[in-house]
Amino acid sequence: IILLFSFTIVNAKGVQTKKYNHIVSLTLSGDEMLLGLVSENRIAGLSGKINEKVDSALGGVLFIDEAHQLYNKEDPYDKGKQVIQAFVPRLENDGEKFIAIIAGYTKEMEEFLKFDPGLASRFQHKIIFESYKPQVVAQIVVNILKKNKIEFNEKYVKAVAINLYDQIPDDKKSNARWARNYAQKLIEKQLSYCAKHPQFPRNRLFNEVLRDSVNWQIGG
C-alpha cells in the first residue's frame, strides 16, 4: 500500500510550515462513493463533484483512499477520467491551500499516475507500507473477535486466518482492512448460526463458521 502527498508539510529543518485544521476523506473502495463521483454523464456534473470536495478541504487535508479506482484503463468510457481531469487543475491552482493525500495498492497506483502527467508531478512525496505478516493480521482478527465477545478457539482462528491471508498475492494484501472484513464476516455468520441453532454451544458453532470461511473471498 502506498501513500502519495501533494505538498511538503515540513521544511528542511523539520519545522511545520503550515497548520491544517481538518481532514476531508473519500473512500473509493465501495460502489456508493464511486457512483457518487462518476455515475453522472456530464463532465460539468463530474467536475462539480470533485470540486466540491476540494473546496471543503481548503485549509486542510483531502484524503482519497483507493484512488486508483477512479481510473480503469480497460474501459474507454470510464468517467473516472473526467474526475481526474477536473482534479489536476485544482492541484495546480490551489496546491498551497490544501494537502492532497491519495492512497491505494502500489501497482495500481503506479498505473493511475501514468494517466495524467500532472498527477505524477504533483505527488512526488510517497510512503510505502509493507504488507503485514500473516501472523500480525491473524492477531488483529483475534483482537476484533475478543472485543465483540465472541467465544472461539484462538489457536484455530489464527491458523485459519494465517492460511487465508498467506494465499493473497502481495500486491492485493490490505493488512488491517482485510482483518476487519474477515472478522466482521465471521461475526455475521456466527450470529446467523446461533439464530438457527440456539441449542448448540456458541464456540461449537464458531468452529463450523471457521470451516466454512476457508472458501470465502474476502476483499480488502
C-alpha atoms as a PDB file:
ATOM      1  CA  ILE A   1       0.000   0.000   0.000  1.00  0.00           C
ATOM      2  CA  ILE A   2       1.306   3.460  -0.863  1.00  0.00           C
ATOM      3  CA  LEU A   3       0.501   6.989   0.324  1.00  0.00           C
ATOM      4  CA  LEU A   4       1.281   9.902  -2.002  1.00  0.00           C
ATOM      5  CA  PHE A   5       1.448  13.503  -0.777  1.00  0.00           C
ATOM      6  CA  SER A   6       0.903  16.599  -2.898  1.00  0.00           C
ATOM      7  CA  PHE A   7       2.652  19.081  -0.593  1.00  0.00           C
ATOM      8  CA  THR A   8       5.648  19.148   1.734  1.00  0.00           C
ATOM      9  CA  ILE A   9       4.359  19.558   5.268  1.00  0.00           C
ATOM     10  CA  VAL A  10       7.686  20.440   6.903  1.00  0.00           C
ATOM     11  CA  ASN A  11      10.649  22.486   5.776  1.00  0.00           C
ATOM     12  CA  ALA A  12      14.279  21.410   5.574  1.00  0.00           C
ATOM     13  CA  LYS A  13      14.725  21.908   9.322  1.00  0.00           C
ATOM     14  CA  GLY A  14      11.760  19.703  10.104  1.00  0.00           C
ATOM     15  CA  VAL A  15       9.616  22.651  11.224  1.00  0.00           C
ATOM     16  CA  GLN A  16       5.967  22.597  10.192  1.00  0.00           C
ATOM     17  CA  THR A  17       5.387  25.376   7.692  1.00  0.00           C
ATOM     18  CA  LYS A  18       1.584  25.493   7.788  1.00  0.00           C
ATOM     19  CA  LYS A  19      -1.193  24.360  10.059  1.00  0.00           C
ATOM     20  CA  TYR A  20      -4.013  22.316   8.573  1.00  0.00           C
ATOM     21  CA  ASN A  21      -7.102  22.072  10.726  1.00  0.00           C
ATOM     22  CA  HIS A  22      -9.363  19.416   9.211  1.00  0.00           C
ATOM     23  CA  ILE A  23      -9.495  16.331   7.017  1.00  0.00           C
ATOM     24  CA  VAL A  24     -11.968  15.566   4.228  1.00  0.00           C
ATOM     25  CA  SER A  25     -11.944  11.866   3.427  1.00  0.00           C
ATOM     26  CA  LEU A  26     -13.125   9.952   0.360  1.00  0.00           C
ATOM     27  CA  THR A  27     -13.126   6.173   0.189  1.00  0.00           C
ATOM     28  CA  LEU A  28     -13.355   4.759  -3.313  1.00  0.00           C
ATOM     29  CA  SER A  29     -13.370   1.091  -2.308  1.00  0.00           C
ATOM     30  CA  GLY A  30     -17.171   0.894  -2.241  1.00  0.00           C
ATOM     31  CA  ASP A  31     -19.700   1.256  -5.041  1.00  0.00           C
ATOM     32  CA  GLU A  32     -21.555   4.021  -3.201  1.00  0.00           C
ATOM     33  CA  MET A  33     -18.719   6.525  -3.379  1.00  0.00           C
ATOM     34  CA  LEU A  34     -17.761   5.535  -6.903  1.00  0.00           C
ATOM     35  CA  LEU A  35     -21.331   6.069  -8.049  1.00  0.00           C
ATOM     36  CA  GLY A  36     -21.466   9.360  -6.206  1.00  0.00           C
ATOM     37  CA  LEU A  37     -18.419  10.625  -8.064  1.00  0.00           C
ATOM     38  CA  VAL A  38     -18.575   9.078 -11.501  1.00  0.00           C
ATOM     39  CA  SER A  39     -22.105   7.948 -12.314  1.00  0.00           C
ATOM     40  CA  GLU A  40     -23.225  11.179 -13.991  1.00  0.00           C
ATOM     41  CA  ASN A  41     -22.903  11.568 -17.752  1.00  0.00           C
ATOM     42  CA  ARG A  42     -21.955  15.233 -17.983  1.00  0.00           C
ATOM     43  CA  ILE A  43     -18.413  16.432 -17.453  1.00  0.00           C
ATOM     44  CA  ALA A  44     -19.719  19.517 -15.673  1.00  0.00           C
ATOM     45  CA  GLY A  45     -21.508  17.345 -13.151  1.00  0.00           C
ATOM     46  CA  LEU A  46     -18.423  15.234 -12.529  1.00  0.00           C
ATOM     47  CA  SER A  47     -16.188  18.278 -12.229  1.00  0.00           C
ATOM     48  CA  GLY A  48     -18.590  19.801  -9.755  1.00  0.00           C
ATOM     49  CA  LYS A  49     -18.452  16.711  -7.543  1.00  0.00           C
ATOM     50  CA  ILE A  50     -14.696  16.709  -7.111  1.00  0.00           C
ATOM     51  CA  ASN A  51     -14.519  20.497  -6.913  1.00  0.00           C
ATOM     52  CA  GLU A  52     -16.974  20.452  -4.008  1.00  0.00           C
ATOM     53  CA  LYS A  53     -14.702  18.035  -2.157  1.00  0.00           C
ATOM     54  CA  VAL A  54     -11.621  20.152  -2.836  1.00  0.00           C
ATOM     55  CA  ASP A  55     -13.433  23.313  -1.725  1.00  0.00           C
ATOM     56  CA  SER A  56     -14.380  21.646   1.553  1.00  0.00           C
ATOM     57  CA  ALA A  57     -10.745  20.607   2.065  1.00  0.00           C
ATOM     58  CA  LEU A  58      -9.227  24.074   1.588  1.00  0.00           C
ATOM     59  CA  GLY A  59      -7.186  24.916   4.649  1.00  0.00           C
ATOM     60  CA  GLY A  60      -6.999  21.219   5.474  1.00  0.00           C
ATOM     61  CA  VAL A  61      -6.314  17.803   4.035  1.00  0.00           C
ATOM     62  CA  LEU A  62      -8.123  15.883   1.302  1.00  0.00           C
ATOM     63  CA  PHE A  63      -7.545  12.140   1.707  1.00  0.00           C
ATOM     64  CA  ILE A  64      -8.645   9.844  -1.140  1.00  0.00           C
ATOM     65  CA  ASP A  65      -8.421   6.139  -0.375  1.00  0.00           C
ATOM     66  CA  GLU A  66      -8.259   3.577  -3.212  1.00  0.00           C
ATOM     67  CA  ALA A  67      -7.765   6.483  -5.627  1.00  0.00           C
ATOM     68  CA  HIS A  68      -6.702   4.143  -8.415  1.00  0.00           C
ATOM     69  CA  GLN A  69     -10.322   3.025  -8.743  1.00  0.00           C
ATOM     70  CA  LEU A  70     -11.053   6.334 -10.466  1.00  0.00           C
ATOM     71  CA  TYR A  71      -9.128   5.088 -13.480  1.00  0.00           C
ATOM     72  CA  ASN A  72      -9.948   1.958 -15.465  1.00  0.00           C
ATOM     73  CA  LYS A  73      -7.654   1.696 -18.478  1.00  0.00           C
ATOM     74  CA  GLU A  74      -9.704  -1.214 -19.856  1.00  0.00           C
ATOM     75  CA  ASP A  75     -12.821   0.949 -20.175  1.00  0.00           C
ATOM     76  CA  PRO A  76     -12.645   3.666 -22.878  1.00  0.00           C
ATOM     77  CA  TYR A  77     -15.791   5.283 -21.446  1.00  0.00           C
ATOM     78  CA  ASP A  78     -14.568   5.339 -17.871  1.00  0.00           C
ATOM     79  CA  LYS A  79     -15.969   8.564 -16.439  1.00  0.00           C
ATOM     80  CA  GLY A  80     -13.464   8.489 -13.605  1.00  0.00           C
ATOM     81  CA  LYS A  81     -11.009  10.022 -16.079  1.00  0.00           C
ATOM     82  CA  GLN A  82     -13.162  13.133 -16.112  1.00  0.00           C
ATOM     83  CA  VAL A  83     -12.849  13.404 -12.361  1.00  0.00           C
ATOM     84  CA  ILE A  84      -9.065  13.157 -12.636  1.00  0.00           C
ATOM     85  CA  GLN A  85      -9.024  15.830 -15.350  1.00  0.00           C
ATOM     86  CA  ALA A  86     -11.017  18.113 -13.054  1.00  0.00           C
ATOM     87  CA  PHE A  87      -8.820  17.313 -10.052  1.00  0.00           C
ATOM     88  CA  VAL A  88      -5.437  18.089 -11.629  1.00  0.00           C
ATOM     89  CA  PRO A  89      -6.153  21.812 -12.237  1.00  0.00           C
ATOM     90  CA  ARG A  90      -7.153  22.182  -8.587  1.00  0.00           C
ATOM     91  CA  LEU A  91      -3.818  20.695  -7.579  1.00  0.00           C
ATOM     92  CA  GLU A  92      -2.119  23.169  -9.917  1.00  0.00           C
ATOM     93  CA  ASN A  93      -4.063  26.267  -8.886  1.00  0.00           C
ATOM     94  CA  ASP A  94      -4.835  25.601  -5.207  1.00  0.00           C
ATOM     95  CA  GLY A  95      -1.983  23.286  -4.289  1.00  0.00           C
ATOM     96  CA  GLU A  96      -0.739  25.524  -1.495  1.00  0.00           C
ATOM     97  CA  LYS A  97      -4.192  25.851   0.065  1.00  0.00           C
ATOM     98  CA  PHE A  98      -4.635  22.193   0.954  1.00  0.00           C
ATOM     99  CA  ILE A  99      -2.770  18.902   1.171  1.00  0.00           C
ATOM    100  CA  ALA A 100      -3.955  16.070  -1.046  1.00  0.00           C
ATOM    101  CA  ILE A 101      -3.119  12.535   0.040  1.00  0.00           C
ATOM    102  CA  ILE A 102      -4.044   9.635  -2.220  1.00  0.00           C
ATOM    103  CA  ALA A 103      -3.690   6.000  -1.247  1.00  0.00           C
ATOM    104  CA  GLY A 104      -4.050   2.585  -2.838  1.00  0.00           C
ATOM    105  CA  TYR A 105      -2.299  -0.581  -3.853  1.00  0.00           C
ATOM    106  CA  THR A 106       1.208   0.193  -5.100  1.00  0.00           C
ATOM    107  CA  LYS A 107       0.974  -1.422  -8.534  1.00  0.00           C
ATOM    108  CA  GLU A 108      -2.449   0.053  -9.331  1.00  0.00           C
ATOM    109  CA  MET A 109      -1.382   3.496  -8.100  1.00  0.00           C
ATOM    110  CA  GLU A 110       1.635   3.455 -10.394  1.00  0.00           C
ATOM    111  CA  GLU A 111      -0.697   2.849 -13.342  1.00  0.00           C
ATOM    112  CA  PHE A 112      -3.070   5.506 -12.057  1.00  0.00           C
ATOM    113  CA  LEU A 113      -0.312   8.144 -12.010  1.00  0.00           C
ATOM    114  CA  LYS A 114       0.595   7.384 -15.615  1.00  0.00           C
ATOM    115  CA  PHE A 115      -2.830   8.525 -16.795  1.00  0.00           C
ATOM    116  CA  ASP A 116      -2.052  12.230 -16.467  1.00  0.00           C
ATOM    117  CA  PRO A 117       1.449  13.767 -16.242  1.00  0.00           C
ATOM    118  CA  GLY A 118       0.008  16.394 -13.929  1.00  0.00           C
ATOM    119  CA  LEU A 119      -0.759  13.752 -11.323  1.00  0.00           C
ATOM    120  CA  ALA A 120       2.735  12.342 -11.170  1.00  0.00           C
ATOM    121  CA  SER A 121       4.326  15.782 -10.961  1.00  0.00           C
ATOM    122  CA  ARG A 122       2.054  16.813  -8.091  1.00  0.00           C
ATOM    123  CA  PHE A 123       2.548  13.693  -5.982  1.00  0.00           C
ATOM    124  CA  GLN A 124       6.284  13.435  -5.508  1.00  0.00           C
ATOM    125  CA  HIS A 125       6.310  12.503  -1.826  1.00  0.00           C
ATOM    126  CA  LYS A 126       5.467   8.910  -1.002  1.00  0.00           C
ATOM    127  CA  ILE A 127       5.314   6.434   1.849  1.00  0.00           C
ATOM    128  CA  ILE A 128       5.146   2.720   1.059  1.00  0.00           C
ATOM    129  CA  PHE A 129       3.679   0.419   3.697  1.00  0.00           C
ATOM    130  CA  GLU A 130       4.910  -3.135   3.534  1.00  0.00           C
ATOM    131  CA  SER A 131       2.331  -5.891   3.895  1.00  0.00           C
ATOM    132  CA  TYR A 132       1.765  -7.169   7.416  1.00  0.00           C
ATOM    133  CA  LYS A 133       2.947 -10.650   8.244  1.00  0.00           C
ATOM    134  CA  PRO A 134       0.044 -13.150   8.250  1.00  0.00           C
ATOM    135  CA  GLN A 135       0.632 -13.692  11.983  1.00  0.00           C
ATOM    136  CA  VAL A 136       0.043  -9.990  12.643  1.00  0.00           C
ATOM    137  CA  VAL A 137      -3.142  -9.964  10.575  1.00  0.00           C
ATOM    138  CA  ALA A 138      -4.362 -13.062  12.424  1.00  0.00           C
ATOM    139  CA  GLN A 139      -3.785 -11.341  15.765  1.00  0.00           C
ATOM    140  CA  ILE A 140      -5.864  -8.371  14.612  1.00  0.00           C
ATOM    141  CA  VAL A 141      -8.682 -10.784  13.758  1.00  0.00           C
ATOM    142  CA  VAL A 142      -8.429 -12.326  17.225  1.00  0.00           C
ATOM    143  CA  ASN A 143      -8.490  -8.904  18.897  1.00  0.00           C
ATOM    144  CA  ILE A 144     -11.626  -7.886  16.988  1.00  0.00           C
ATOM    145  CA  LEU A 145     -13.410 -11.107  17.919  1.00  0.00           C
ATOM    146  CA  LYS A 146     -12.498 -10.676  21.584  1.00  0.00           C
ATOM    147  CA  LYS A 147     -13.750  -7.108  21.540  1.00  0.00           C
ATOM    148  CA  ASN A 148     -17.087  -8.381  20.222  1.00  0.00           C
ATOM    149  CA  LYS A 149     -17.377 -11.007  22.986  1.00  0.00           C
ATOM    150  CA  ILE A 150     -17.217 -13.932  20.561  1.00  0.00           C
ATOM    151  CA  GLU A 151     -16.390 -17.343  22.048  1.00  0.00           C
ATOM    152  CA  PHE A 152     -13.750 -19.094  19.936  1.00  0.00           C
ATOM    153  CA  ASN A 153     -10.657 -21.243  19.821  1.00  0.00           C
ATOM    154  CA  GLU A 154      -7.865 -18.680  19.430  1.00  0.00           C
ATOM    155  CA  LYS A 155      -5.332 -21.163  18.073  1.00  0.00           C
ATOM    156  CA  TYR A 156      -7.784 -22.390  15.449  1.00  0.00           C
ATOM    157  CA  VAL A 157      -8.752 -18.859  14.388  1.00  0.00           C
ATOM    158  CA  LYS A 158      -5.130 -17.823  13.977  1.00  0.00           C
ATOM    159  CA  ALA A 159      -4.312 -20.900  11.922  1.00  0.00           C
ATOM    160  CA  VAL A 160      -7.201 -20.303   9.505  1.00  0.00           C
ATOM    161  CA  ALA A 161      -6.571 -16.555   9.209  1.00  0.00           C
ATOM    162  CA  ILE A 162      -2.846 -17.078   8.567  1.00  0.00           C
ATOM    163  CA  ASN A 163      -3.570 -19.650   5.881  1.00  0.00           C
ATOM    164  CA  LEU A 164      -6.145 -17.448   4.129  1.00  0.00           C
ATOM    165  CA  TYR A 165      -4.052 -14.284   4.217  1.00  0.00           C
ATOM    166  CA  ASP A 166      -0.932 -16.107   3.083  1.00  0.00           C
ATOM    167  CA  GLN A 167      -2.724 -17.086  -0.139  1.00  0.00           C
ATOM    168  CA  ILE A 168      -3.420 -13.488  -1.161  1.00  0.00           C
ATOM    169  CA  PRO A 169      -0.987 -12.007  -3.735  1.00  0.00           C
ATOM    170  CA  ASP A 170       1.354  -9.469  -2.129  1.00  0.00           C
ATOM    171  CA  ASP A 171       0.061  -6.584  -4.251  1.00  0.00           C
ATOM    172  CA  LYS A 172      -3.511  -7.298  -3.084  1.00  0.00           C
ATOM    173  CA  LYS A 173      -2.903  -7.558   0.650  1.00  0.00           C
ATOM    174  CA  SER A 174      -4.663  -4.824   2.608  1.00  0.00           C
ATOM    175  CA  ASN A 175      -3.364  -5.579   6.109  1.00  0.00           C
ATOM    176  CA  ALA A 176      -5.758  -4.481   8.864  1.00  0.00           C
ATOM    177  CA  ARG A 177      -8.586  -3.821   6.411  1.00  0.00           C
ATOM    178  CA  TRP A 178      -8.625  -7.475   5.394  1.00  0.00           C
ATOM    179  CA  ALA A 179      -8.556  -8.482   9.069  1.00  0.00           C
ATOM    180  CA  ARG A 180     -11.555  -6.246   9.808  1.00  0.00           C
ATOM    181  CA  ASN A 181     -13.513  -7.558   6.827  1.00  0.00           C
ATOM    182  CA  TYR A 182     -12.760 -11.171   7.702  1.00  0.00           C
ATOM    183  CA  ALA A 183     -13.577 -10.742  11.381  1.00  0.00           C
ATOM    184  CA  GLN A 184     -16.801  -8.928  10.563  1.00  0.00           C
ATOM    185  CA  LYS A 185     -17.931 -11.719   8.270  1.00  0.00           C
ATOM    186  CA  LEU A 186     -17.082 -14.297  10.936  1.00  0.00           C
ATOM    187  CA  ILE A 187     -19.207 -12.372  13.424  1.00  0.00           C
ATOM    188  CA  GLU A 188     -22.125 -12.059  10.993  1.00  0.00           C
ATOM    189  CA  LYS A 189     -22.039 -15.773  10.168  1.00  0.00           C
ATOM    190  CA  GLN A 190     -21.740 -16.665  13.851  1.00  0.00           C
ATOM    191  CA  LEU A 191     -24.855 -14.659  14.694  1.00  0.00           C
ATOM    192  CA  SER A 192     -26.704 -16.340  11.856  1.00  0.00           C
ATOM    193  CA  TYR A 193     -25.608 -19.820  13.029  1.00  0.00           C
ATOM    194  CA  CYS A 194     -26.653 -19.076  16.614  1.00  0.00           C
ATOM    195  CA  ALA A 195     -30.081 -17.905  15.482  1.00  0.00           C
ATOM    196  CA  LYS A 196     -30.636 -21.138  13.562  1.00  0.00           C
ATOM    197  CA  HIS A 197     -29.145 -23.486  16.187  1.00  0.00           C
ATOM    198  CA  PRO A 198     -29.742 -21.997  19.666  1.00  0.00           C
ATOM    199  CA  GLN A 199     -29.403 -25.422  21.294  1.00  0.00           C
ATOM    200  CA  PHE A 200     -25.684 -25.722  20.474  1.00  0.00           C
ATOM    201  CA  PRO A 201     -22.783 -24.078  22.355  1.00  0.00           C
ATOM    202  CA  ARG A 202     -21.597 -20.888  20.695  1.00  0.00           C
ATOM    203  CA  ASN A 203     -17.974 -21.994  20.475  1.00  0.00           C
ATOM    204  CA  ARG A 204     -19.004 -25.199  18.688  1.00  0.00           C
ATOM    205  CA  LEU A 205     -20.951 -23.192  16.135  1.00  0.00           C
ATOM    206  CA  PHE A 206     -17.994 -20.874  15.628  1.00  0.00           C
ATOM    207  CA  ASN A 207     -15.851 -23.834  14.602  1.00  0.00           C
ATOM    208  CA  GLU A 208     -18.424 -24.543  11.891  1.00  0.00           C
ATOM    209  CA  VAL A 209     -18.175 -20.945  10.725  1.00  0.00           C
ATOM    210  CA  LEU A 210     -14.392 -21.185  10.620  1.00  0.00           C
ATOM    211  CA  ARG A 211     -14.508 -24.316   8.485  1.00  0.00           C
ATOM    212  CA  ASP A 212     -16.817 -22.544   6.038  1.00  0.00           C
ATOM    213  CA  SER A 213     -14.584 -19.485   5.922  1.00  0.00           C
ATOM    214  CA  VAL A 214     -11.788 -21.251   4.049  1.00  0.00           C
ATOM    215  CA  ASN A 215     -13.952 -20.897   0.926  1.00  0.00           C
ATOM    216  CA  TRP A 216     -14.777 -17.220   1.373  1.00  0.00           C
ATOM    217  CA  GLN A 217     -13.468 -14.470  -0.854  1.00  0.00           C
ATOM    218  CA  ILE A 218     -12.541 -11.654   1.491  1.00  0.00           C
ATOM    219  CA  GLY A 219     -11.894  -8.353  -0.230  1.00  0.00           C
ATOM    220  CA  GLY A 220      -9.645  -5.562   1.004  1.00  0.00           C
END
